[in-house]
Amino acid sequence: MAVTTHSQSRTEPWIAPLARGPLRGDVSLPGSKSLTNRELVLAALADGPSTIRLPLHSRDSALMVEALRQLGVGIDEVPPAPGATPNPYGPDLRITPAPMHGDVRVDCGLAGTVMRFLPPLAALAVGPVTIDGDPYARKRPMHAIIQALVDLGVDVTDDGGGAMPFSFTGTGSVRGGSLSIDASASSQFVSGLLLSAPRFDEGLHLTHVGERLPSMPHIEMTVAALRARGVRVDEPAVGEWVVHPGPIAARDVTIEPDLSNAAPFAVAALVAGGTVRIRTWPTATTQVGADLERLLPLWGATVTRDGDDLVFDGGVGVRGGASLPGLELDLSRGGELAPALVALAALADGPSEITGIGHLRGHETDRLAALASDVNRSGGAVHELDDGLRIEPAALHGGDWAAYDDHRMATAGAVVGLVVDGVAVDDIGSTAKTLPQFPELWAALVATGDEGV
C-alpha cells in the first residue's frame, strides 16, 4: 500500500547519529502520555482539586490541557516546593473542576487520547461543541465513539463518515446505561467512555462486540485509574465493564515515566551493543511498555533491575546480546511498541514476523505501510500481511526516512540510524507529540558510544 506524507511543513532532515561503539547510557524520561491524559480527564471530572505531579509536557498533553480549559476547567502550573528539585521536563499541574460550558471547537491535533477521550466528557458540558483535528486526523477511525454518543442520547452532527469534524450540543448530562460498541480499531474507544461514565446519570454497562480488542493493557490502565479515585468498576466478563455512577475522588497523583517512549532507547542497546539503563522504571505498572522486560530477552538481551530512585523504585538495564535472531511475535497487547521492534527486526540476522498489529493502520499514519515503505526504501525487505509485517534480512543503506507526522516512525528511523550511516529523518520534530526532548536525549545516548573509540 502506498503512503503519503501528511505534514504541511518540513524543516531540514535530521541525520540520525551513528553509534561508533557500544553504548553506556543512563536515560531519564518524562511522564507517560497515556497516564497524563487519563488523569487530566479524571481530575477535570473529580469532586475537588487534584494535583498531577511529573506530568508529560508534549503536544498531546498540551492539546488535552487546552481542550479542558476551553470547557471551563481550571488548570494551573504549580511551582516546585521550596527546596525541592524542579522537574526538568516541566511544572506540576493543579486541576480545579468547574461547571463545563460549550461554545468551543476542540483541536485534537493527531492525539488519539484527545479525540477519543474528550467527546464523552464534553457531552457533559452545556452548549455546542465541535471536535476536529489535523488533516490526517480526519481519516482516523471515530465511528465507534460517534455512534456511542448517539446511542447514549447525544444529538451528533457529522457528514456520515464516522470521522472528524463532528458537533453536538451538550445538555449538562448524559443518560448512560447499557451500550455495545465495536472497539476493534482502538482500545481508546473503551477508555474514553469508561473515564466519563461515573458522571453519567445511570453510569455505564459497556460491552465490546467486535472480533478483537487490541491493547488491553491500556483498558486495564483506565480501570485502575478509575478505581484509584474511588469509582466502582465491575468486569463481569472479558470485554464487558460496568461503571457505577457516583463521584470521582479528587486525588494527587505522580505520573510514571513513559515506558513506551523507552522502547527506542532500550532497543538501542541491542542494535549498537553495550548497556542502556532506563531510570525510575516502576516496579508495578499498567503501562504496556513494561512488556519490553519480557520481549527484549527474546532477541538476546539481558534485562536487569537495579538501584533505587527518588520517586519510583529502581531502573531497568538492557544489555545487548551477541546476535539478533529472527522471531515470530504477537504484539496484540502492545502495538505501540511495534515501530521500534520492527526497526530492530530489520537489523536482525534472520526473518521475523510481527503480527497482532493490524489496527496500527488507523494510527497517526498507516504504520504498517509506513514501516514497510521506509525500510524497503533503505534496501530492506518488508512485506505487509493482513495483521502485521514479515521482515527479511537485508543490508540497509542510508537515505530518506519519512516520519509521516508520526513520532514512533521518526524514532524507528533513529534506531536504524544507529548502525546505518546517513539515515535522514524528514521530521524529527514529530517526536514532540509525546517526547519533545527526543533529539537531545538520543544524541546524548549515542555519544556514550564514543567513549571506547
Protein backbone atom coordinates (compact mmCIF):
# COMPACT_ATOMS: atom_id res chain seq x y z
CA MET A 1 0.00 0.00 0.00
CA ALA A 2 1.35 3.44 -0.88
CA VAL A 3 1.63 6.00 1.88
CA THR A 4 1.83 9.75 1.68
CA THR A 5 3.33 12.38 3.94
CA HIS A 6 0.73 14.37 5.86
CA SER A 7 2.68 17.27 7.32
CA GLN A 8 2.07 20.67 5.79
CA SER A 9 5.57 21.97 6.56
CA ARG A 10 9.02 20.47 6.98
CA THR A 11 12.33 21.52 8.45
CA GLU A 12 15.71 20.25 7.27
CA PRO A 13 16.11 16.46 7.58
CA TRP A 14 17.66 15.20 10.80
CA ILE A 15 20.61 12.89 10.18
CA ALA A 16 20.38 10.10 12.74
CA PRO A 17 23.61 9.88 14.76
CA LEU A 18 25.71 6.79 14.10
CA ALA A 19 26.91 4.79 17.10
CA ARG A 20 30.70 4.49 16.95
CA GLY A 21 30.93 1.95 19.77
CA PRO A 22 28.92 0.12 22.44
CA LEU A 23 26.62 2.39 24.41
CA ARG A 24 26.85 3.16 28.13
CA GLY A 25 23.65 5.12 28.58
CA ASP A 26 21.64 6.22 31.62
CA VAL A 27 18.34 7.69 30.42
CA SER A 28 15.68 9.55 32.40
CA LEU A 29 12.37 10.04 30.57
CA PRO A 30 9.38 12.35 31.19
CA GLY A 31 5.93 11.15 32.21
CA SER A 32 3.60 8.78 30.43
CA LYS A 33 1.31 10.35 27.86
CA SER A 34 -1.32 7.67 28.43
CA LEU A 35 -1.39 8.22 32.18
CA THR A 36 -1.15 12.01 31.97
CA ASN A 37 -4.16 12.38 29.67
CA ARG A 38 -6.25 9.87 31.62
CA GLU A 39 -5.53 11.68 34.88
CA LEU A 40 -6.30 15.06 33.32
CA VAL A 41 -9.77 13.82 32.32
CA LEU A 42 -10.47 12.27 35.72
CA ALA A 43 -9.21 15.35 37.56
CA ALA A 44 -11.46 17.56 35.43
CA LEU A 45 -14.48 15.47 36.49
CA ALA A 46 -13.46 14.99 40.13
CA ASP A 47 -15.23 16.27 43.23
CA GLY A 48 -12.41 18.67 44.11
CA PRO A 49 -8.99 19.93 43.00
CA SER A 50 -6.23 17.46 42.10
CA THR A 51 -2.50 17.88 41.55
CA ILE A 52 -0.71 15.93 38.83
CA ARG A 53 2.97 15.62 39.60
CA LEU A 54 5.61 14.93 36.94
CA PRO A 55 3.09 15.15 34.08
CA LEU A 56 4.15 14.87 30.48
CA HIS A 57 4.52 18.21 28.69
CA SER A 58 4.16 17.47 24.99
CA ARG A 59 1.86 18.28 22.10
CA ASP A 60 -0.64 15.55 23.05
CA SER A 61 -0.86 16.63 26.68
CA ALA A 62 -0.94 20.32 25.73
CA LEU A 63 -3.91 19.65 23.44
CA MET A 64 -5.72 17.91 26.30
CA VAL A 65 -4.97 20.77 28.71
CA GLU A 66 -6.17 23.38 26.23
CA ALA A 67 -9.36 21.45 25.46
CA LEU A 68 -10.23 21.17 29.15
CA ARG A 69 -9.51 24.85 29.71
CA GLN A 70 -11.80 25.73 26.80
CA LEU A 71 -14.57 23.78 28.52
CA GLY A 72 -14.07 25.80 31.72
CA VAL A 73 -11.79 23.54 33.77
CA GLY A 74 -9.12 25.38 35.76
CA ILE A 75 -5.59 24.12 35.08
CA ASP A 76 -2.64 25.95 36.63
CA GLU A 77 1.07 25.28 36.66
CA VAL A 78 2.42 24.64 40.16
CA PRO A 79 5.91 25.89 41.09
CA PRO A 80 8.16 23.42 42.92
CA ALA A 81 8.05 23.47 46.71
CA PRO A 82 10.84 25.42 48.43
CA GLY A 83 13.99 23.34 48.41
CA ALA A 84 12.55 20.73 46.03
CA THR A 85 14.33 19.78 42.84
CA PRO A 86 12.35 21.10 39.86
CA ASN A 87 11.10 18.60 37.32
CA PRO A 88 13.40 19.14 34.30
CA TYR A 89 10.53 18.35 31.94
CA GLY A 90 8.05 20.93 33.19
CA PRO A 91 5.92 22.03 36.14
CA ASP A 92 3.27 20.08 38.01
CA LEU A 93 -0.38 20.85 37.26
CA ARG A 94 -3.26 21.78 39.56
CA ILE A 95 -6.67 20.91 38.12
CA THR A 96 -9.78 22.60 39.54
CA PRO A 97 -13.11 21.25 38.25
CA ALA A 98 -15.83 23.72 37.32
CA PRO A 99 -19.22 23.62 35.55
CA MET A 100 -18.35 22.96 31.93
CA HIS A 101 -19.67 25.07 29.06
CA GLY A 102 -19.78 24.62 25.32
CA ASP A 103 -19.40 27.16 22.53
CA VAL A 104 -15.98 25.65 21.83
CA ARG A 105 -14.13 24.00 18.98
CA VAL A 106 -11.72 21.38 20.33
CA ASP A 107 -8.47 20.88 18.41
CA CYS A 108 -7.38 17.25 18.85
CA GLY A 109 -4.31 17.50 16.64
CA LEU A 110 -3.31 13.90 15.92
CA ALA A 111 -3.83 12.82 19.54
CA GLY A 112 -5.95 9.69 19.80
CA THR A 113 -6.37 10.17 23.53
CA VAL A 114 -7.86 13.62 22.93
CA MET A 115 -10.15 12.72 20.02
CA ARG A 116 -11.47 9.59 21.83
CA PHE A 117 -11.45 10.79 25.49
CA LEU A 118 -12.81 14.33 25.09
CA PRO A 119 -16.17 13.78 23.32
CA PRO A 120 -17.85 11.82 26.18
CA LEU A 121 -16.56 14.38 28.68
CA ALA A 122 -17.58 17.35 26.51
CA ALA A 123 -21.08 15.88 26.20
CA LEU A 124 -21.42 16.69 29.92
CA ALA A 125 -20.93 20.39 29.15
CA VAL A 126 -23.75 22.82 28.36
CA GLY A 127 -23.67 24.18 24.83
CA PRO A 128 -22.38 23.36 21.36
CA VAL A 129 -19.05 21.56 20.92
CA THR A 130 -17.15 20.80 17.73
CA ILE A 131 -14.44 18.12 17.66
CA ASP A 132 -11.77 18.47 14.97
CA GLY A 133 -8.06 17.91 14.42
CA ASP A 134 -5.18 17.84 11.97
CA PRO A 135 -5.98 16.98 8.33
CA TYR A 136 -4.84 13.37 8.67
CA ALA A 137 -6.72 13.03 11.97
CA ARG A 138 -9.91 13.30 9.93
CA LYS A 139 -9.02 9.90 8.46
CA ARG A 140 -8.59 8.19 11.84
CA PRO A 141 -11.37 5.84 12.99
CA MET A 142 -14.00 7.67 15.07
CA HIS A 143 -17.25 5.91 14.19
CA ALA A 144 -17.37 3.89 17.42
CA ILE A 145 -17.26 6.97 19.66
CA ILE A 146 -19.68 8.96 17.47
CA GLN A 147 -22.19 6.10 17.40
CA ALA A 148 -21.76 5.58 21.16
CA LEU A 149 -22.69 9.20 21.82
CA VAL A 150 -25.76 8.86 19.60
CA ASP A 151 -26.80 5.66 21.40
CA LEU A 152 -26.40 7.49 24.71
CA GLY A 153 -28.85 10.16 23.60
CA VAL A 154 -26.42 12.84 22.37
CA ASP A 155 -27.53 14.59 19.16
CA VAL A 156 -24.41 14.38 16.98
CA THR A 157 -24.00 16.08 13.62
CA ASP A 158 -21.36 14.80 11.20
CA ASP A 159 -21.04 14.11 7.50
CA GLY A 160 -21.99 10.47 7.97
CA GLY A 161 -18.43 9.23 7.51
CA GLY A 162 -17.79 8.41 11.14
CA ALA A 163 -14.86 10.81 11.35
CA MET A 164 -13.95 14.32 12.43
CA PRO A 165 -15.11 17.01 12.34
CA PHE A 166 -18.38 16.44 14.18
CA SER A 167 -20.51 18.52 16.52
CA PHE A 168 -23.07 18.12 19.26
CA THR A 169 -24.83 20.29 21.82
CA GLY A 170 -24.30 19.20 25.39
CA THR A 171 -27.13 19.48 27.88
CA GLY A 172 -25.06 19.08 31.03
CA SER A 173 -25.85 15.40 31.44
CA VAL A 174 -25.60 12.05 29.64
CA ARG A 175 -28.10 9.29 30.29
CA GLY A 176 -25.70 6.36 30.31
CA GLY A 177 -26.95 2.81 30.80
CA SER A 178 -26.27 -0.21 28.56
CA LEU A 179 -24.14 0.28 25.47
CA SER A 180 -22.48 -2.02 22.93
CA ILE A 181 -19.58 -0.90 20.74
CA ASP A 182 -17.05 -2.42 18.37
CA ALA A 183 -13.65 -1.24 19.62
CA SER A 184 -11.63 -3.43 17.24
CA ALA A 185 -9.97 -0.35 15.74
CA SER A 186 -8.79 1.09 19.06
CA SER A 187 -8.99 0.36 22.76
CA GLN A 188 -9.25 4.14 23.22
CA PHE A 189 -12.96 3.93 22.39
CA VAL A 190 -13.48 1.84 25.52
CA SER A 191 -11.24 4.01 27.70
CA GLY A 192 -12.84 7.23 26.51
CA LEU A 193 -16.29 6.06 27.54
CA LEU A 194 -15.20 4.49 30.83
CA LEU A 195 -13.40 7.63 32.00
CA SER A 196 -16.52 9.82 31.92
CA ALA A 197 -19.00 7.06 32.79
CA PRO A 198 -19.14 7.73 36.58
CA ARG A 199 -20.69 11.11 35.76
CA PHE A 200 -23.39 9.63 33.51
CA ASP A 201 -26.82 9.53 35.16
CA GLU A 202 -27.00 5.73 35.07
CA GLY A 203 -23.29 5.00 34.88
CA LEU A 204 -22.38 2.69 32.03
CA HIS A 205 -22.66 -1.00 31.21
CA LEU A 206 -20.31 -1.27 28.24
CA THR A 207 -19.90 -4.37 26.07
CA HIS A 208 -17.38 -4.82 23.28
CA VAL A 209 -18.90 -6.78 20.38
CA GLY A 210 -16.04 -6.89 17.87
CA GLU A 211 -13.86 -9.84 16.94
CA ARG A 212 -10.75 -8.48 18.65
CA LEU A 213 -9.82 -5.93 21.27
CA PRO A 214 -6.27 -4.60 20.84
CA SER A 215 -4.07 -3.07 23.53
CA MET A 216 -5.87 -4.49 26.55
CA PRO A 217 -3.24 -3.06 28.95
CA HIS A 218 -4.49 0.43 28.11
CA ILE A 219 -8.01 -0.50 29.20
CA GLU A 220 -6.56 -2.05 32.36
CA MET A 221 -4.78 1.27 32.94
CA THR A 222 -8.08 3.13 32.64
CA VAL A 223 -9.87 0.80 35.05
CA ALA A 224 -7.02 1.08 37.57
CA ALA A 225 -7.09 4.89 37.37
CA LEU A 226 -10.86 4.93 37.97
CA ARG A 227 -10.63 2.58 40.94
CA ALA A 228 -7.81 4.64 42.44
CA ARG A 229 -10.28 7.55 42.54
CA GLY A 230 -12.95 5.54 44.32
CA VAL A 231 -15.04 4.58 41.30
CA ARG A 232 -16.64 1.15 41.35
CA VAL A 233 -15.86 -0.75 38.16
CA ASP A 234 -17.02 -4.34 37.68
CA GLU A 235 -15.78 -6.66 34.93
CA PRO A 236 -18.37 -9.44 34.67
CA ALA A 237 -16.80 -10.95 31.55
CA VAL A 238 -13.97 -10.37 29.10
CA GLY A 239 -14.89 -7.32 27.02
CA GLU A 240 -17.55 -6.14 29.46
CA TRP A 241 -17.38 -3.35 32.04
CA VAL A 242 -19.88 -1.89 34.48
CA VAL A 243 -19.04 1.59 35.80
CA HIS A 244 -21.33 2.64 38.65
CA PRO A 245 -22.47 6.27 38.80
CA GLY A 246 -21.01 8.41 41.54
CA PRO A 247 -18.29 10.90 42.42
CA ILE A 248 -14.74 10.76 41.13
CA ALA A 249 -12.48 11.49 44.07
CA ALA A 250 -10.00 14.34 43.93
CA ARG A 251 -6.50 12.90 44.17
CA ASP A 252 -2.90 13.98 43.91
CA VAL A 253 -1.07 11.60 41.60
CA THR A 254 2.52 11.19 40.38
CA ILE A 255 2.90 10.16 36.74
CA GLU A 256 5.26 7.32 35.89
CA PRO A 257 7.89 7.75 33.16
CA ASP A 258 6.62 6.78 29.72
CA LEU A 259 7.72 3.18 29.13
CA SER A 260 6.55 3.17 25.51
CA ASN A 261 8.86 6.11 24.85
CA ALA A 262 11.57 4.00 26.48
CA ALA A 263 11.35 1.45 23.63
CA PRO A 264 13.83 3.02 21.16
CA PHE A 265 16.32 3.72 23.97
CA ALA A 266 16.13 0.15 25.26
CA VAL A 267 16.32 -1.28 21.73
CA ALA A 268 19.44 0.81 21.11
CA ALA A 269 21.44 -1.49 23.39
CA LEU A 270 20.65 -4.45 21.15
CA VAL A 271 21.38 -2.59 17.91
CA ALA A 272 24.60 -0.81 18.90
CA GLY A 273 25.72 -3.10 21.73
CA GLY A 274 26.52 -2.08 25.27
CA THR A 275 24.09 -1.29 28.07
CA VAL A 276 21.33 1.28 28.40
CA ARG A 277 19.65 1.93 31.75
CA ILE A 278 16.19 3.46 31.89
CA ARG A 279 15.90 5.21 35.25
CA THR A 280 12.82 5.27 37.51
CA TRP A 281 11.21 2.22 35.91
CA PRO A 282 8.19 1.43 38.14
CA THR A 283 8.14 -1.89 39.97
CA ALA A 284 4.46 -2.40 39.09
CA THR A 285 2.60 -0.67 36.28
CA THR A 286 -0.27 -0.95 33.82
CA GLN A 287 1.87 0.53 31.02
CA VAL A 288 2.31 -1.79 28.06
CA GLY A 289 5.91 -0.62 27.72
CA ALA A 290 6.70 -2.85 30.69
CA ASP A 291 6.42 -5.77 28.23
CA LEU A 292 9.89 -4.77 26.99
CA GLU A 293 11.30 -6.62 30.02
CA ARG A 294 9.80 -9.80 28.58
CA LEU A 295 10.24 -9.10 24.86
CA LEU A 296 13.83 -7.91 24.57
CA PRO A 297 15.38 -11.11 26.00
CA LEU A 298 13.78 -12.93 23.04
CA TRP A 299 16.27 -11.01 20.89
CA GLY A 300 19.17 -11.98 23.16
CA ALA A 301 19.16 -9.03 25.56
CA THR A 302 19.90 -9.29 29.24
CA VAL A 303 17.42 -7.21 31.26
CA THR A 304 18.10 -6.42 34.92
CA ARG A 305 16.67 -4.18 37.62
CA ASP A 306 18.95 -2.12 39.82
CA GLY A 307 19.14 0.74 42.27
CA ASP A 308 16.62 3.00 43.91
CA ASP A 309 15.40 6.38 42.72
CA LEU A 310 13.64 9.23 44.45
CA VAL A 311 10.11 8.63 43.19
CA PHE A 312 9.90 5.18 41.65
CA ASP A 313 11.92 2.18 42.74
CA GLY A 314 14.81 1.09 40.61
CA GLY A 315 15.66 1.22 36.98
CA VAL A 316 15.90 -1.31 34.17
CA GLY A 317 19.17 -2.04 32.46
CA VAL A 318 19.24 -3.55 28.97
CA ARG A 319 22.44 -5.19 27.69
CA GLY A 320 22.69 -6.26 24.07
CA GLY A 321 23.49 -9.84 23.10
CA ALA A 322 25.97 -11.28 20.64
CA SER A 323 23.44 -11.59 17.79
CA LEU A 324 19.91 -10.66 16.81
CA PRO A 325 17.77 -13.69 15.93
CA GLY A 326 14.67 -13.50 13.81
CA LEU A 327 11.42 -14.01 15.71
CA GLU A 328 7.71 -14.70 15.35
CA LEU A 329 5.98 -12.28 17.68
CA ASP A 330 2.35 -11.46 18.51
CA LEU A 331 2.17 -7.81 19.59
CA SER A 332 -1.60 -7.53 20.01
CA ARG A 333 -1.10 -6.49 23.66
CA GLY A 334 1.07 -3.53 22.80
CA GLY A 335 1.12 -2.45 19.20
CA GLU A 336 2.66 0.92 20.04
CA LEU A 337 5.96 -0.93 20.61
CA ALA A 338 5.89 -2.21 17.03
CA PRO A 339 7.82 0.58 15.24
CA ALA A 340 10.88 0.21 17.49
CA LEU A 341 10.71 -3.58 17.33
CA VAL A 342 10.24 -3.63 13.55
CA ALA A 343 13.33 -1.42 13.24
CA LEU A 344 15.16 -3.95 15.42
CA ALA A 345 13.89 -6.86 13.32
CA ALA A 346 15.04 -5.10 10.13
CA LEU A 347 18.59 -5.34 11.51
CA ALA A 348 18.30 -8.95 12.72
CA ASP A 349 20.17 -11.98 11.41
CA GLY A 350 17.07 -13.91 10.39
CA PRO A 351 13.49 -13.35 9.20
CA SER A 352 10.86 -12.09 11.62
CA GLU A 353 7.08 -11.97 11.56
CA ILE A 354 5.31 -9.48 13.83
CA THR A 355 1.53 -9.85 13.97
CA GLY A 356 -1.43 -8.68 16.02
CA ILE A 357 -0.88 -5.12 14.82
CA GLY A 358 -3.41 -4.68 12.02
CA HIS A 359 -5.07 -1.87 13.99
CA LEU A 360 -1.93 0.24 13.52
CA ARG A 361 -3.25 1.10 10.06
CA GLY A 362 -5.53 3.59 11.83
CA HIS A 363 -2.92 5.34 13.97
CA GLU A 364 -1.15 8.65 13.26
CA THR A 365 -0.43 7.12 9.88
CA ASP A 366 -0.86 3.63 8.46
CA ARG A 367 2.12 2.36 10.42
CA LEU A 368 2.32 -0.98 8.60
CA ALA A 369 2.54 0.67 5.20
CA ALA A 370 4.84 3.38 6.51
CA LEU A 371 7.29 0.94 8.14
CA ALA A 372 7.39 -1.23 5.04
CA SER A 373 7.95 1.80 2.82
CA ASP A 374 10.75 3.29 4.93
CA VAL A 375 12.65 0.05 5.47
CA ASN A 376 12.28 -1.03 1.86
CA ARG A 377 13.44 2.39 0.65
CA SER A 378 16.54 1.76 2.76
CA GLY A 379 17.24 -1.55 0.99
CA GLY A 380 15.19 -3.82 3.24
CA ALA A 381 12.62 -6.49 2.50
CA VAL A 382 9.42 -5.93 4.49
CA HIS A 383 6.13 -7.44 3.37
CA GLU A 384 2.72 -6.36 4.62
CA LEU A 385 0.42 -9.05 6.00
CA ASP A 386 -3.25 -8.72 6.86
CA ASP A 387 -2.39 -8.35 10.53
CA GLY A 388 1.29 -7.50 10.61
CA LEU A 389 4.63 -7.46 8.83
CA ARG A 390 7.18 -10.01 7.65
CA ILE A 391 10.75 -8.75 7.73
CA GLU A 392 13.52 -10.49 5.76
CA PRO A 393 17.24 -9.92 6.47
CA ALA A 394 18.82 -7.41 4.08
CA ALA A 395 21.72 -4.97 4.09
CA LEU A 396 20.35 -1.49 4.68
CA HIS A 397 21.73 1.81 3.40
CA GLY A 398 21.22 5.44 4.30
CA GLY A 399 18.77 7.82 2.70
CA ASP A 400 15.40 9.44 3.29
CA TRP A 401 13.28 8.17 6.18
CA ALA A 402 9.74 9.58 6.26
CA ALA A 403 8.11 10.24 9.64
CA TYR A 404 4.57 10.74 8.27
CA ASP A 405 3.83 13.14 11.17
CA ASP A 406 4.21 10.08 13.43
CA HIS A 407 6.51 10.25 16.44
CA ARG A 408 7.09 6.49 16.51
CA MET A 409 8.03 6.40 12.83
CA ALA A 410 10.62 9.11 13.50
CA THR A 411 12.15 7.20 16.42
CA ALA A 412 12.21 3.99 14.36
CA GLY A 413 14.41 5.83 11.88
CA ALA A 414 16.72 6.85 14.71
CA VAL A 415 17.08 3.18 15.73
CA VAL A 416 18.06 2.13 12.21
CA GLY A 417 20.43 5.09 12.00
CA LEU A 418 22.48 3.78 14.92
CA VAL A 419 24.23 1.34 12.57
CA VAL A 420 23.22 2.57 9.09
CA ASP A 421 25.07 5.71 8.10
CA GLY A 422 23.11 8.59 6.61
CA VAL A 423 19.52 7.86 7.69
CA ALA A 424 17.78 11.22 7.17
CA VAL A 425 14.53 11.55 9.13
CA ASP A 426 12.43 14.20 7.43
CA ASP A 427 10.56 15.39 10.52
CA ILE A 428 12.22 14.63 13.85
CA GLY A 429 10.02 17.40 15.27
CA SER A 430 7.09 14.96 15.14
CA THR A 431 8.53 13.43 18.34
CA ALA A 432 7.18 16.49 20.18
CA LYS A 433 3.85 14.65 20.17
CA THR A 434 4.95 12.64 23.22
CA LEU A 435 8.67 13.37 23.78
CA PRO A 436 9.81 16.86 22.75
CA GLN A 437 13.30 16.20 24.15
CA PHE A 438 13.90 13.13 21.98
CA PRO A 439 16.63 14.57 19.69
CA GLU A 440 18.71 15.79 22.65
CA LEU A 441 18.21 12.62 24.72
CA TRP A 442 19.06 10.45 21.72
CA ALA A 443 22.20 12.40 20.85
CA ALA A 444 23.41 12.15 24.45
CA LEU A 445 22.83 8.39 24.46
CA VAL A 446 24.61 7.80 21.16
CA ALA A 447 27.54 9.95 22.30
CA THR A 448 28.25 7.42 25.06
CA GLY A 449 29.39 5.07 22.30
CA ASP A 450 32.29 7.42 21.54
CA GLU A 451 33.93 6.76 24.89
CA GLY A 452 35.52 3.48 23.89
CA VAL A 453 36.58 4.63 20.41
